[in-house]
Amino acid sequence: MLSFQFAQGNIANGTATAVGEALRWTDKVWNKIADPDMWLNIMFSSIRIIIIFIITRIVIKVVYRIIDRSMERKQEGKIRVNPRRFVTVGELLKNATSITCNFIMILLLLSEINIQVGPLLASAGVLGLAIGFGAQGLVKDVITGFFIILEDQFAVGDVIQTGTYKGTVEVIGLRTTKLVSWQGEVHIIPNGAIASVTNYSMSNSLAVVDIPMKADLSLDESVHLVKKSLVGIEERDLNIVKVPDVLGIQSMSTSEYVVRIVAECMPNSRASVERQIQGDVKKTLEYHEMSHQAALEQAAALEKDEGDGTGGA
């Protein structure tokens, strides 16, 4: 009987203790909730967070506007404009601005909710250093690709040559550049491996055509035929900027001499312009040869008729 009463007493004491702990916890929670200082701190922190967010958005918008205006001024100041280049550079700068501003905003927000950002920055620095040592080639490719676009070295659609690779630029990335050769091969080149570039699309080209002439044609007659074949060629081929110039004899031998023609043409159109000039000159020479042959045949026939006595009335 005494043991039972003792057990009941222990249960009652335990229950009272649990109830007391629950009441004390409830009181603490209520006191915390009813603490005006806590709510003031939350309110001011919320206001600061909203202000930080708004200021970040405003800064990003202002920098975006500055980038757009700078690209517009640069585009208006260039003689030959490729809008894709300015769009690419502008987007890269905008992405860098957005990442930087948002990163700073996140650090400020973490500090507002009492999270220590110092250890996070230290950890990020160590991690970045480790990645940098492990991916030096990747970092070099990215930096080189950024400066290729920023310095306007070449753009999509340009014909370039770097090392032994030559072709049309298909894609420019921050890590690789894709070239397509005239035979269809696709070359994917890491930007870090591009040491020097020859761009064939930056300025007008110069087409040079050498026309061999028979030695029995006089120089004046040859130049006259060539100039006659080039009349109106800038209308037949819009890649030709102006009427080609006939420079004269480039070389000669006992059986023939070579007349050189030069023509200023649009970028990356030299081969097609040279073919156009050669075709036009060939047609004119063929027509002259046929006319000359017909005249000889007519003269021979006329001489034969006179010799037979049938030419006169």
Foldseek 3Di string as FASTA:
>chain_A
DVVVVVVVVVVVVVVVVVVVVVVVVVVVVVCVVPPVVVVVLVVVLVVVLVVLVVVLVVVLVVVLVVLVVVLVVVQVPDPDHDVVLSVVLSVVVSVVSNVVSVVVSVVVNCVSVPHDCVVVVVVVVVVVVVVCVVPVLQVLLLVLLSCCSVVCVDDQQWWKDADPDTAGFHDRDSFWTWGAHPVGDIDIGGSNSRPDMDTQQPFWDKAKEKDKDFPVDDQVRLVVLLLVLQVCVCVVPVQFPDGKDWPGWPADDPTITITMIMTTGHGPCRVVVRVSSVVSSVVSVVVVVVVVVVVVVVVVVLVVCVVVVNNDD
